[in-house]
Amino acid sequence: MEATIDVTGLRKRFGPTLALDGMTFSVRPGQVTGFVGPNGAGKSTTMRVILGLDAADEGTALIGGRPYQTLRHPLSHLGSLLDAAALQPSRSARNHLLWLAHSQGLGSGRVDEVVAVAGLQSAIRRRAGGFSLGMRQRLGIAAALLGDPPILMMDEPFNGMDPEGIVWMRGFLRALAAEGRAVFVSSHLMSELEDAADHLVVIGHGQVIADASVRDMIAAASDDRVELRTAARSEAMTVLAHAGARMATTGPDLLIISGLSTARTVAALTESRVPFAEVSAHRAALEEAYMELTRDAVEFRAAPATPGVAP
């Protein structure tokens, strides 16, 4: 079976709410695909439709060309982590994994292997209901790996992880993709996806807004801008404005310049004898690219904080 997820024309309505409105994208092997969007954009609904937990009104979601419901021993095709709390709390973590393994025709040896991968050896005989969120995430990841699937799908796997766990998760996702697996991950943590993901599907209002590599999204957001670091900020702004630049201040000694190349920026400052410490091409963060793409898709927007007014 080809290691792909293909989502085509998904539409899903919950009463008056249109959750998915023609959702179309693909997840390919050998890379980590991030799945991002504002709250209410349709991420969890899309993942539930892929797993057959919700039925789409229109469109298809296929795993290697087949609906999830038709897969025999589905954990050997797609491993998923949608809700780390989806477990029987009085059951030990080991027994939780054992009954999942037995349902797929897998033996206890495989349970021991995925426990080691997830780093849960010291806690595996404890009741899962007493686990922290981060430990439940690791248990859910172990469960997703049971069938050694070519496709992994995880909803917010960084949630509840401590710093060591976040670093481990980043490397773990990249390692899975390096093995040729298709890895599909939703997250609100752009800084983590910038380091872990190769590709990004950005959605809003149930539709795909952008579907491109992380590198291309960052390049587009960088937009040939220039970063200038100078102690003479006011003088620099005056000189560069006369040269046709547009500027934004992002710190006491830092300017982001648009409309002027690096070379022309240096020439204008040198000619006017304005001192500067550094001039370089601006590289946007993934978060910056994401905020620009989803600016009109945010459904829940808080009012600006007012000093002296309690929340």
C-alpha atoms as a PDB file:
ATOM      1  CA  MET A   1       0.000   0.000   0.000  1.00  0.00           C
ATOM      2  CA  GLU A   2       1.298   3.433  -0.927  1.00  0.00           C
ATOM      3  CA  ALA A   3       2.016   5.558   2.155  1.00  0.00           C
ATOM      4  CA  THR A   4      -0.305   8.452   1.379  1.00  0.00           C
ATOM      5  CA  ILE A   5      -3.336  10.267   2.699  1.00  0.00           C
ATOM      6  CA  ASP A   6      -5.462  11.836  -0.019  1.00  0.00           C
ATOM      7  CA  VAL A   7      -8.265  14.185   1.020  1.00  0.00           C
ATOM      8  CA  THR A   8     -10.503  15.376  -1.814  1.00  0.00           C
ATOM      9  CA  GLY A   9     -13.450  17.761  -1.681  1.00  0.00           C
ATOM     10  CA  LEU A  10     -14.460  17.060   1.921  1.00  0.00           C
ATOM     11  CA  ARG A  11     -17.583  18.829   3.084  1.00  0.00           C
ATOM     12  CA  LYS A  12     -19.045  18.349   6.542  1.00  0.00           C
ATOM     13  CA  ARG A  13     -21.821  20.215   8.294  1.00  0.00           C
ATOM     14  CA  PHE A  14     -22.782  20.035  11.959  1.00  0.00           C
ATOM     15  CA  GLY A  15     -26.261  21.570  12.041  1.00  0.00           C
ATOM     16  CA  PRO A  16     -25.908  25.184  10.856  1.00  0.00           C
ATOM     17  CA  THR A  17     -22.093  25.069  11.058  1.00  0.00           C
ATOM     18  CA  LEU A  18     -20.127  24.230   7.914  1.00  0.00           C
ATOM     19  CA  ALA A  19     -17.009  22.617   9.400  1.00  0.00           C
ATOM     20  CA  LEU A  20     -15.383  21.482   6.133  1.00  0.00           C
ATOM     21  CA  ASP A  21     -15.923  23.293   2.861  1.00  0.00           C
ATOM     22  CA  GLY A  22     -14.212  21.432   0.026  1.00  0.00           C
ATOM     23  CA  MET A  23     -11.069  20.396   1.944  1.00  0.00           C
ATOM     24  CA  THR A  24      -8.468  18.994  -0.485  1.00  0.00           C
ATOM     25  CA  PHE A  25      -4.802  18.088   0.125  1.00  0.00           C
ATOM     26  CA  SER A  26      -2.388  15.142   0.149  1.00  0.00           C
ATOM     27  CA  VAL A  27       0.156  13.804   2.642  1.00  0.00           C
ATOM     28  CA  ARG A  28       3.174  12.169   1.016  1.00  0.00           C
ATOM     29  CA  PRO A  29       5.791   9.695   2.283  1.00  0.00           C
ATOM     30  CA  GLY A  30       9.253  10.728   3.410  1.00  0.00           C
ATOM     31  CA  GLN A  31       8.241  14.031   4.960  1.00  0.00           C
ATOM     32  CA  VAL A  32       6.547  15.569   7.983  1.00  0.00           C
ATOM     33  CA  THR A  33       3.429  17.461   6.914  1.00  0.00           C
ATOM     34  CA  GLY A  34       2.193  20.016   9.420  1.00  0.00           C
ATOM     35  CA  PHE A  35      -1.555  20.691   9.576  1.00  0.00           C
ATOM     36  CA  VAL A  36      -2.300  24.124  11.011  1.00  0.00           C
ATOM     37  CA  GLY A  37      -5.075  26.668  11.300  1.00  0.00           C
ATOM     38  CA  PRO A  38      -6.956  28.746  13.882  1.00  0.00           C
ATOM     39  CA  ASN A  39      -9.274  27.173  16.434  1.00  0.00           C
ATOM     40  CA  GLY A  40     -12.432  26.029  14.673  1.00  0.00           C
ATOM     41  CA  ALA A  41     -10.740  25.830  11.261  1.00  0.00           C
ATOM     42  CA  GLY A  42     -11.576  22.127  10.812  1.00  0.00           C
ATOM     43  CA  LYS A  43      -8.344  20.309  11.718  1.00  0.00           C
ATOM     44  CA  SER A  44      -9.777  17.806  14.193  1.00  0.00           C
ATOM     45  CA  THR A  45     -12.868  17.215  12.053  1.00  0.00           C
ATOM     46  CA  THR A  46     -10.676  16.449   9.038  1.00  0.00           C
ATOM     47  CA  MET A  47      -8.642  13.941  11.042  1.00  0.00           C
ATOM     48  CA  ARG A  48     -11.776  12.296  12.385  1.00  0.00           C
ATOM     49  CA  VAL A  49     -13.144  11.933   8.854  1.00  0.00           C
ATOM     50  CA  ILE A  50      -9.853  10.358   7.714  1.00  0.00           C
ATOM     51  CA  LEU A  51     -10.260   7.756  10.484  1.00  0.00           C
ATOM     52  CA  GLY A  52     -13.957   7.178   9.761  1.00  0.00           C
ATOM     53  CA  LEU A  53     -15.003   8.580  13.149  1.00  0.00           C
ATOM     54  CA  ASP A  54     -17.108  11.218  11.382  1.00  0.00           C
ATOM     55  CA  ALA A  55     -18.799  10.701   8.028  1.00  0.00           C
ATOM     56  CA  ALA A  56     -18.283  13.372   5.388  1.00  0.00           C
ATOM     57  CA  ASP A  57     -21.327  14.786   3.616  1.00  0.00           C
ATOM     58  CA  GLU A  58     -19.295  14.963   0.403  1.00  0.00           C
ATOM     59  CA  GLY A  59     -15.787  14.048  -0.763  1.00  0.00           C
ATOM     60  CA  THR A  60     -13.324  11.304   0.097  1.00  0.00           C
ATOM     61  CA  ALA A  61     -10.459  10.635   2.502  1.00  0.00           C
ATOM     62  CA  LEU A  62      -8.290   7.707   1.408  1.00  0.00           C
ATOM     63  CA  ILE A  63      -5.392   5.854   3.020  1.00  0.00           C
ATOM     64  CA  GLY A  64      -3.190   4.471   0.260  1.00  0.00           C
ATOM     65  CA  GLY A  65      -6.174   4.699  -2.067  1.00  0.00           C
ATOM     66  CA  ARG A  66      -8.650   3.020   0.307  1.00  0.00           C
ATOM     67  CA  PRO A  67     -11.111   4.238   2.960  1.00  0.00           C
ATOM     68  CA  TYR A  68      -9.896   3.584   6.502  1.00  0.00           C
ATOM     69  CA  GLN A  69     -12.994   1.474   7.278  1.00  0.00           C
ATOM     70  CA  THR A  70     -11.998  -1.096   4.622  1.00  0.00           C
ATOM     71  CA  LEU A  71      -8.494  -1.705   5.992  1.00  0.00           C
ATOM     72  CA  ARG A  72      -7.863  -5.076   7.615  1.00  0.00           C
ATOM     73  CA  HIS A  73      -5.684  -4.604  10.708  1.00  0.00           C
ATOM     74  CA  PRO A  74      -5.751  -0.804  10.227  1.00  0.00           C
ATOM     75  CA  LEU A  75      -2.947  -0.123  12.745  1.00  0.00           C
ATOM     76  CA  SER A  76      -0.541  -1.712  10.280  1.00  0.00           C
ATOM     77  CA  HIS A  77      -1.531   0.927   7.711  1.00  0.00           C
ATOM     78  CA  LEU A  78      -2.071   4.087   9.747  1.00  0.00           C
ATOM     79  CA  GLY A  79      -1.182   4.790  13.369  1.00  0.00           C
ATOM     80  CA  SER A  80      -2.982   7.727  14.968  1.00  0.00           C
ATOM     81  CA  LEU A  81      -3.015   9.799  18.118  1.00  0.00           C
ATOM     82  CA  LEU A  82      -6.057  12.078  18.303  1.00  0.00           C
ATOM     83  CA  ASP A  83      -6.847  12.155  22.015  1.00  0.00           C
ATOM     84  CA  ALA A  84      -4.270  11.184  24.632  1.00  0.00           C
ATOM     85  CA  ALA A  85      -7.077  10.783  27.199  1.00  0.00           C
ATOM     86  CA  ALA A  86      -8.823   8.057  25.177  1.00  0.00           C
ATOM     87  CA  LEU A  87      -7.966   5.158  27.488  1.00  0.00           C
ATOM     88  CA  GLN A  88      -9.409   3.123  30.333  1.00  0.00           C
ATOM     89  CA  PRO A  89      -7.939   4.902  33.394  1.00  0.00           C
ATOM     90  CA  SER A  90      -7.878   1.891  35.736  1.00  0.00           C
ATOM     91  CA  ARG A  91      -5.993  -0.273  33.233  1.00  0.00           C
ATOM     92  CA  SER A  92      -2.181  -0.331  33.335  1.00  0.00           C
ATOM     93  CA  ALA A  93      -0.368   1.286  30.434  1.00  0.00           C
ATOM     94  CA  ARG A  94       1.000  -2.122  29.431  1.00  0.00           C
ATOM     95  CA  ASN A  95      -2.426  -3.732  29.412  1.00  0.00           C
ATOM     96  CA  HIS A  96      -3.785  -0.810  27.393  1.00  0.00           C
ATOM     97  CA  LEU A  97      -1.193  -1.553  24.728  1.00  0.00           C
ATOM     98  CA  LEU A  98      -1.658  -5.334  24.993  1.00  0.00           C
ATOM     99  CA  TRP A  99      -5.361  -5.279  24.168  1.00  0.00           C
ATOM    100  CA  LEU A 100      -4.700  -2.965  21.219  1.00  0.00           C
ATOM    101  CA  ALA A 101      -1.937  -5.279  20.011  1.00  0.00           C
ATOM    102  CA  HIS A 102      -4.102  -8.397  20.334  1.00  0.00           C
ATOM    103  CA  SER A 103      -6.893  -6.709  18.354  1.00  0.00           C
ATOM    104  CA  GLN A 104      -4.437  -6.415  15.462  1.00  0.00           C
ATOM    105  CA  GLY A 105      -2.950  -9.883  15.728  1.00  0.00           C
ATOM    106  CA  LEU A 106       0.260  -8.599  17.320  1.00  0.00           C
ATOM    107  CA  GLY A 107       2.154 -10.208  20.183  1.00  0.00           C
ATOM    108  CA  SER A 108       3.456  -8.839  23.460  1.00  0.00           C
ATOM    109  CA  GLY A 109       6.960  -8.525  22.033  1.00  0.00           C
ATOM    110  CA  ARG A 110       5.804  -5.664  19.855  1.00  0.00           C
ATOM    111  CA  VAL A 111       4.378  -3.932  22.933  1.00  0.00           C
ATOM    112  CA  ASP A 112       7.798  -4.058  24.597  1.00  0.00           C
ATOM    113  CA  GLU A 113       9.404  -2.555  21.471  1.00  0.00           C
ATOM    114  CA  VAL A 114       7.086   0.471  21.253  1.00  0.00           C
ATOM    115  CA  VAL A 115       7.292   1.049  25.011  1.00  0.00           C
ATOM    116  CA  ALA A 116      11.066   1.380  24.650  1.00  0.00           C
ATOM    117  CA  VAL A 117      10.711   3.750  21.685  1.00  0.00           C
ATOM    118  CA  ALA A 118       8.342   5.998  23.665  1.00  0.00           C
ATOM    119  CA  GLY A 119      10.551   5.913  26.769  1.00  0.00           C
ATOM    120  CA  LEU A 120       7.878   4.510  29.097  1.00  0.00           C
ATOM    121  CA  GLN A 121       9.706   1.468  30.519  1.00  0.00           C
ATOM    122  CA  SER A 122       9.751   2.729  34.113  1.00  0.00           C
ATOM    123  CA  ALA A 123       6.023   3.557  34.167  1.00  0.00           C
ATOM    124  CA  ILE A 124       4.504   0.872  31.968  1.00  0.00           C
ATOM    125  CA  ARG A 125       2.874  -1.114  34.817  1.00  0.00           C
ATOM    126  CA  ARG A 126       1.291   1.942  36.411  1.00  0.00           C
ATOM    127  CA  ARG A 127      -2.385   2.781  35.894  1.00  0.00           C
ATOM    128  CA  ALA A 128      -2.733   4.965  32.831  1.00  0.00           C
ATOM    129  CA  GLY A 129      -5.280   7.169  34.589  1.00  0.00           C
ATOM    130  CA  GLY A 130      -2.512   8.489  36.841  1.00  0.00           C
ATOM    131  CA  PHE A 131      -0.290   9.572  33.960  1.00  0.00           C
ATOM    132  CA  SER A 132       0.471  13.228  33.288  1.00  0.00           C
ATOM    133  CA  LEU A 133      -0.593  14.625  29.916  1.00  0.00           C
ATOM    134  CA  GLY A 134       2.949  14.303  28.575  1.00  0.00           C
ATOM    135  CA  MET A 135       3.134  10.646  29.626  1.00  0.00           C
ATOM    136  CA  ARG A 136      -0.274   9.997  28.063  1.00  0.00           C
ATOM    137  CA  GLN A 137       1.040  11.505  24.842  1.00  0.00           C
ATOM    138  CA  ARG A 138       3.949   9.058  24.928  1.00  0.00           C
ATOM    139  CA  LEU A 139       1.534   6.185  25.590  1.00  0.00           C
ATOM    140  CA  GLY A 140      -0.603   7.296  22.635  1.00  0.00           C
ATOM    141  CA  ILE A 141       2.490   7.430  20.428  1.00  0.00           C
ATOM    142  CA  ALA A 142       3.430   3.907  21.505  1.00  0.00           C
ATOM    143  CA  ALA A 143      -0.073   2.758  20.555  1.00  0.00           C
ATOM    144  CA  ALA A 144       0.186   4.467  17.156  1.00  0.00           C
ATOM    145  CA  LEU A 145       3.431   2.618  16.458  1.00  0.00           C
ATOM    146  CA  LEU A 146       2.152  -0.870  17.341  1.00  0.00           C
ATOM    147  CA  GLY A 147       1.490  -1.966  13.765  1.00  0.00           C
ATOM    148  CA  ASP A 148       4.739  -0.410  12.417  1.00  0.00           C
ATOM    149  CA  PRO A 149       2.568   1.622  10.019  1.00  0.00           C
ATOM    150  CA  PRO A 150       3.846   3.514   6.970  1.00  0.00           C
ATOM    151  CA  ILE A 151       1.584   6.471   7.910  1.00  0.00           C
ATOM    152  CA  LEU A 152       1.396   8.304  11.247  1.00  0.00           C
ATOM    153  CA  MET A 153      -1.218  10.933  12.120  1.00  0.00           C
ATOM    154  CA  MET A 154      -1.047  12.927  15.355  1.00  0.00           C
ATOM    155  CA  ASP A 155      -3.217  15.743  16.700  1.00  0.00           C
ATOM    156  CA  GLU A 156      -1.252  18.201  18.898  1.00  0.00           C
ATOM    157  CA  PRO A 157       1.418  15.710  20.026  1.00  0.00           C
ATOM    158  CA  PHE A 158       3.542  18.451  21.654  1.00  0.00           C
ATOM    159  CA  ASN A 159       0.798  19.277  24.181  1.00  0.00           C
ATOM    160  CA  GLY A 160       1.837  18.551  27.756  1.00  0.00           C
ATOM    161  CA  MET A 161       5.427  17.690  26.831  1.00  0.00           C
ATOM    162  CA  ASP A 162       8.235  19.024  28.999  1.00  0.00           C
ATOM    163  CA  PRO A 163      11.276  20.600  27.249  1.00  0.00           C
ATOM    164  CA  GLU A 164      13.063  17.249  27.009  1.00  0.00           C
ATOM    165  CA  GLY A 165       9.928  15.682  25.575  1.00  0.00           C
ATOM    166  CA  ILE A 166       9.523  18.448  22.990  1.00  0.00           C
ATOM    167  CA  VAL A 167      13.106  18.021  21.805  1.00  0.00           C
ATOM    168  CA  TRP A 168      12.566  14.248  21.629  1.00  0.00           C
ATOM    169  CA  MET A 169       9.313  14.658  19.710  1.00  0.00           C
ATOM    170  CA  ARG A 170      10.915  16.918  17.114  1.00  0.00           C
ATOM    171  CA  GLY A 171      13.678  14.426  16.408  1.00  0.00           C
ATOM    172  CA  PHE A 172      11.262  11.499  16.538  1.00  0.00           C
ATOM    173  CA  LEU A 173       8.990  12.988  13.856  1.00  0.00           C
ATOM    174  CA  ARG A 174      11.952  13.716  11.588  1.00  0.00           C
ATOM    175  CA  ALA A 175      13.279  10.170  12.111  1.00  0.00           C
ATOM    176  CA  LEU A 176       9.925   8.641  11.148  1.00  0.00           C
ATOM    177  CA  ALA A 177       9.877  10.652   7.913  1.00  0.00           C
ATOM    178  CA  ALA A 178      13.507   9.719   7.197  1.00  0.00           C
ATOM    179  CA  GLU A 179      12.408   6.071   7.240  1.00  0.00           C
ATOM    180  CA  GLY A 180      10.066   6.870   4.337  1.00  0.00           C
ATOM    181  CA  ARG A 181       6.867   7.174   6.357  1.00  0.00           C
ATOM    182  CA  ALA A 182       4.185   9.784   5.776  1.00  0.00           C
ATOM    183  CA  VAL A 183       3.868  11.826   8.979  1.00  0.00           C
ATOM    184  CA  PHE A 184       0.838  14.117   9.423  1.00  0.00           C
ATOM    185  CA  VAL A 185       0.882  16.375  12.494  1.00  0.00           C
ATOM    186  CA  SER A 186      -1.442  19.128  13.653  1.00  0.00           C
ATOM    187  CA  SER A 187      -0.068  21.714  16.062  1.00  0.00           C
ATOM    188  CA  HIS A 188      -0.476  25.295  17.209  1.00  0.00           C
ATOM    189  CA  LEU A 189       3.251  25.520  18.009  1.00  0.00           C
ATOM    190  CA  MET A 190       4.775  27.086  14.903  1.00  0.00           C
ATOM    191  CA  SER A 191       8.249  27.160  16.444  1.00  0.00           C
ATOM    192  CA  GLU A 192       8.167  23.376  16.797  1.00  0.00           C
ATOM    193  CA  LEU A 193       6.828  22.763  13.299  1.00  0.00           C
ATOM    194  CA  GLU A 194       9.453  25.098  11.845  1.00  0.00           C
ATOM    195  CA  ASP A 195      12.100  22.710  13.169  1.00  0.00           C
ATOM    196  CA  ALA A 196      10.215  19.460  12.519  1.00  0.00           C
ATOM    197  CA  ALA A 197       8.028  19.834   9.408  1.00  0.00           C
ATOM    198  CA  ASP A 198       8.988  19.777   5.729  1.00  0.00           C
ATOM    199  CA  HIS A 199       5.577  20.734   4.349  1.00  0.00           C
ATOM    200  CA  LEU A 200       2.603  22.670   5.672  1.00  0.00           C
ATOM    201  CA  VAL A 201      -1.127  22.593   4.963  1.00  0.00           C
ATOM    202  CA  VAL A 202      -2.739  25.764   6.327  1.00  0.00           C
ATOM    203  CA  ILE A 203      -6.525  25.845   6.658  1.00  0.00           C
ATOM    204  CA  GLY A 204      -9.195  28.312   7.673  1.00  0.00           C
ATOM    205  CA  HIS A 205     -13.000  28.178   7.661  1.00  0.00           C
ATOM    206  CA  GLY A 206     -12.856  24.553   6.498  1.00  0.00           C
ATOM    207  CA  GLN A 207     -10.786  25.298   3.392  1.00  0.00           C
ATOM    208  CA  VAL A 208      -7.116  25.015   2.439  1.00  0.00           C
ATOM    209  CA  ILE A 209      -5.462  28.450   2.486  1.00  0.00           C
ATOM    210  CA  ALA A 210      -1.944  27.305   1.622  1.00  0.00           C
ATOM    211  CA  ASP A 211      -0.259  24.004   0.734  1.00  0.00           C
ATOM    212  CA  ALA A 212       3.503  24.424   0.344  1.00  0.00           C
ATOM    213  CA  SER A 213       6.906  23.588   1.761  1.00  0.00           C
ATOM    214  CA  VAL A 214       7.938  25.268   5.012  1.00  0.00           C
ATOM    215  CA  ARG A 215      10.924  26.745   3.178  1.00  0.00           C
ATOM    216  CA  ASP A 216       8.723  28.351   0.500  1.00  0.00           C
ATOM    217  CA  MET A 217       6.308  29.768   3.082  1.00  0.00           C
ATOM    218  CA  ILE A 218       9.124  31.363   5.054  1.00  0.00           C
ATOM    219  CA  ALA A 219      10.684  32.753   1.862  1.00  0.00           C
ATOM    220  CA  ALA A 220       7.363  34.297   0.801  1.00  0.00           C
ATOM    221  CA  ALA A 221       6.888  35.878   4.238  1.00  0.00           C
ATOM    222  CA  SER A 222      10.442  37.218   4.223  1.00  0.00           C
ATOM    223  CA  ASP A 223       9.514  39.177   1.075  1.00  0.00           C
ATOM    224  CA  ASP A 224      13.009  40.483   0.246  1.00  0.00           C
ATOM    225  CA  ARG A 225      13.067  42.550   3.423  1.00  0.00           C
ATOM    226  CA  VAL A 226      16.217  43.777   5.135  1.00  0.00           C
ATOM    227  CA  GLU A 227      17.117  43.841   8.819  1.00  0.00           C
ATOM    228  CA  LEU A 228      19.123  46.815  10.036  1.00  0.00           C
ATOM    229  CA  ARG A 229      20.710  47.040  13.471  1.00  0.00           C
ATOM    230  CA  THR A 230      21.860  50.531  14.397  1.00  0.00           C
ATOM    231  CA  ALA A 231      22.246  52.695  17.484  1.00  0.00           C
ATOM    232  CA  ALA A 232      21.287  55.719  15.344  1.00  0.00           C
ATOM    233  CA  ARG A 233      17.768  54.548  14.583  1.00  0.00           C
ATOM    234  CA  SER A 234      16.137  57.953  14.055  1.00  0.00           C
ATOM    235  CA  GLU A 235      18.849  59.147  11.681  1.00  0.00           C
ATOM    236  CA  ALA A 236      18.738  55.873   9.764  1.00  0.00           C
ATOM    237  CA  MET A 237      14.938  56.075   9.403  1.00  0.00           C
ATOM    238  CA  THR A 238      15.180  59.595   7.990  1.00  0.00           C
ATOM    239  CA  VAL A 239      17.866  58.675   5.463  1.00  0.00           C
ATOM    240  CA  LEU A 240      16.169  55.463   4.345  1.00  0.00           C
ATOM    241  CA  ALA A 241      12.752  57.109   4.036  1.00  0.00           C
ATOM    242  CA  HIS A 242      14.290  59.634   1.614  1.00  0.00           C
ATOM    243  CA  ALA A 243      15.701  56.654  -0.321  1.00  0.00           C
ATOM    244  CA  GLY A 244      12.193  55.200  -0.700  1.00  0.00           C
ATOM    245  CA  ALA A 245      12.214  52.547   2.016  1.00  0.00           C
ATOM    246  CA  ARG A 246       9.303  51.507   4.224  1.00  0.00           C
ATOM    247  CA  MET A 247      10.236  50.592   7.779  1.00  0.00           C
ATOM    248  CA  ALA A 248       8.954  48.903  10.906  1.00  0.00           C
ATOM    249  CA  THR A 249      10.708  49.028  14.268  1.00  0.00           C
ATOM    250  CA  THR A 250      10.990  45.695  16.062  1.00  0.00           C
ATOM    251  CA  GLY A 251      13.385  46.716  18.822  1.00  0.00           C
ATOM    252  CA  PRO A 252      15.289  49.721  20.214  1.00  0.00           C
ATOM    253  CA  ASP A 253      18.066  49.250  17.653  1.00  0.00           C
ATOM    254  CA  LEU A 254      16.402  47.074  14.999  1.00  0.00           C
ATOM    255  CA  LEU A 255      14.533  48.069  11.823  1.00  0.00           C
ATOM    256  CA  ILE A 256      12.832  45.868   9.213  1.00  0.00           C
ATOM    257  CA  ILE A 257      13.117  47.567   5.838  1.00  0.00           C
ATOM    258  CA  SER A 258      10.990  46.994   2.731  1.00  0.00           C
ATOM    259  CA  GLY A 259      11.424  48.459  -0.739  1.00  0.00           C
ATOM    260  CA  LEU A 260      15.193  48.757  -0.576  1.00  0.00           C
ATOM    261  CA  SER A 261      17.809  46.096  -1.276  1.00  0.00           C
ATOM    262  CA  THR A 262      20.614  45.263   1.139  1.00  0.00           C
ATOM    263  CA  ALA A 263      23.162  46.940  -1.131  1.00  0.00           C
ATOM    264  CA  ARG A 264      21.125  50.133  -1.508  1.00  0.00           C
ATOM    265  CA  THR A 265      20.501  50.249   2.239  1.00  0.00           C
ATOM    266  CA  VAL A 266      24.239  50.064   2.939  1.00  0.00           C
ATOM    267  CA  ALA A 267      24.986  52.673   0.249  1.00  0.00           C
ATOM    268  CA  ALA A 268      22.406  55.164   1.604  1.00  0.00           C
ATOM    269  CA  LEU A 269      23.614  54.834   5.190  1.00  0.00           C
ATOM    270  CA  THR A 270      27.287  55.050   4.207  1.00  0.00           C
ATOM    271  CA  GLU A 271      26.749  58.103   2.045  1.00  0.00           C
ATOM    272  CA  SER A 272      24.993  59.916   4.905  1.00  0.00           C
ATOM    273  CA  ARG A 273      27.546  58.661   7.444  1.00  0.00           C
ATOM    274  CA  VAL A 274      24.929  56.952   9.589  1.00  0.00           C
ATOM    275  CA  PRO A 275      26.623  54.265  11.723  1.00  0.00           C
ATOM    276  CA  PHE A 276      25.199  50.742  11.730  1.00  0.00           C
ATOM    277  CA  ALA A 277      26.221  47.425  13.264  1.00  0.00           C
ATOM    278  CA  GLU A 278      24.559  44.962  10.889  1.00  0.00           C
ATOM    279  CA  VAL A 279      22.583  44.809   7.646  1.00  0.00           C
ATOM    280  CA  SER A 280      21.221  41.425   6.548  1.00  0.00           C
ATOM    281  CA  ALA A 281      18.411  39.826   4.575  1.00  0.00           C
ATOM    282  CA  HIS A 282      15.371  39.331   6.800  1.00  0.00           C
ATOM    283  CA  ARG A 283      14.299  35.717   7.400  1.00  0.00           C
ATOM    284  CA  ALA A 284      10.744  35.476   8.669  1.00  0.00           C
ATOM    285  CA  ALA A 285       9.800  32.907  11.296  1.00  0.00           C
ATOM    286  CA  LEU A 286       7.169  30.334  10.368  1.00  0.00           C
ATOM    287  CA  GLU A 287       4.879  31.938  12.937  1.00  0.00           C
ATOM    288  CA  GLU A 288       5.083  35.215  11.006  1.00  0.00           C
ATOM    289  CA  ALA A 289       4.161  33.456   7.756  1.00  0.00           C
ATOM    290  CA  TYR A 290       1.295  31.633   9.479  1.00  0.00           C
ATOM    291  CA  MET A 291      -0.124  34.813  11.061  1.00  0.00           C
ATOM    292  CA  GLU A 292      -0.129  36.560   7.698  1.00  0.00           C
ATOM    293  CA  LEU A 293      -1.850  33.640   5.949  1.00  0.00           C
ATOM    294  CA  THR A 294      -4.567  33.195   8.596  1.00  0.00           C
ATOM    295  CA  ARG A 295      -5.192  36.855   9.398  1.00  0.00           C
ATOM    296  CA  ASP A 296      -8.705  36.767   7.904  1.00  0.00           C
ATOM    297  CA  ALA A 297      -9.521  33.222   9.071  1.00  0.00           C
ATOM    298  CA  VAL A 298      -9.422  33.725  12.857  1.00  0.00           C
ATOM    299  CA  GLU A 299     -12.896  33.086  14.243  1.00  0.00           C
ATOM    300  CA  PHE A 300     -12.222  33.629  17.956  1.00  0.00           C
ATOM    301  CA  ARG A 301     -10.334  36.874  18.546  1.00  0.00           C
ATOM    302  CA  ALA A 302      -9.878  38.338  22.029  1.00  0.00           C
ATOM    303  CA  ALA A 303     -10.091  42.055  22.697  1.00  0.00           C
ATOM    304  CA  PRO A 304      -6.770  43.867  23.247  1.00  0.00           C
ATOM    305  CA  ALA A 305      -5.617  43.828  26.866  1.00  0.00           C
ATOM    306  CA  THR A 306      -6.251  47.103  28.717  1.00  0.00           C
ATOM    307  CA  PRO A 307      -3.768  48.072  31.472  1.00  0.00           C
ATOM    308  CA  GLY A 308      -5.397  48.125  34.890  1.00  0.00           C
ATOM    309  CA  VAL A 309      -8.412  46.075  33.802  1.00  0.00           C
ATOM    310  CA  ALA A 310      -8.595  42.578  35.240  1.00  0.00           C
ATOM    311  CA  PRO A 311      -9.288  39.774  32.710  1.00  0.00           C
END
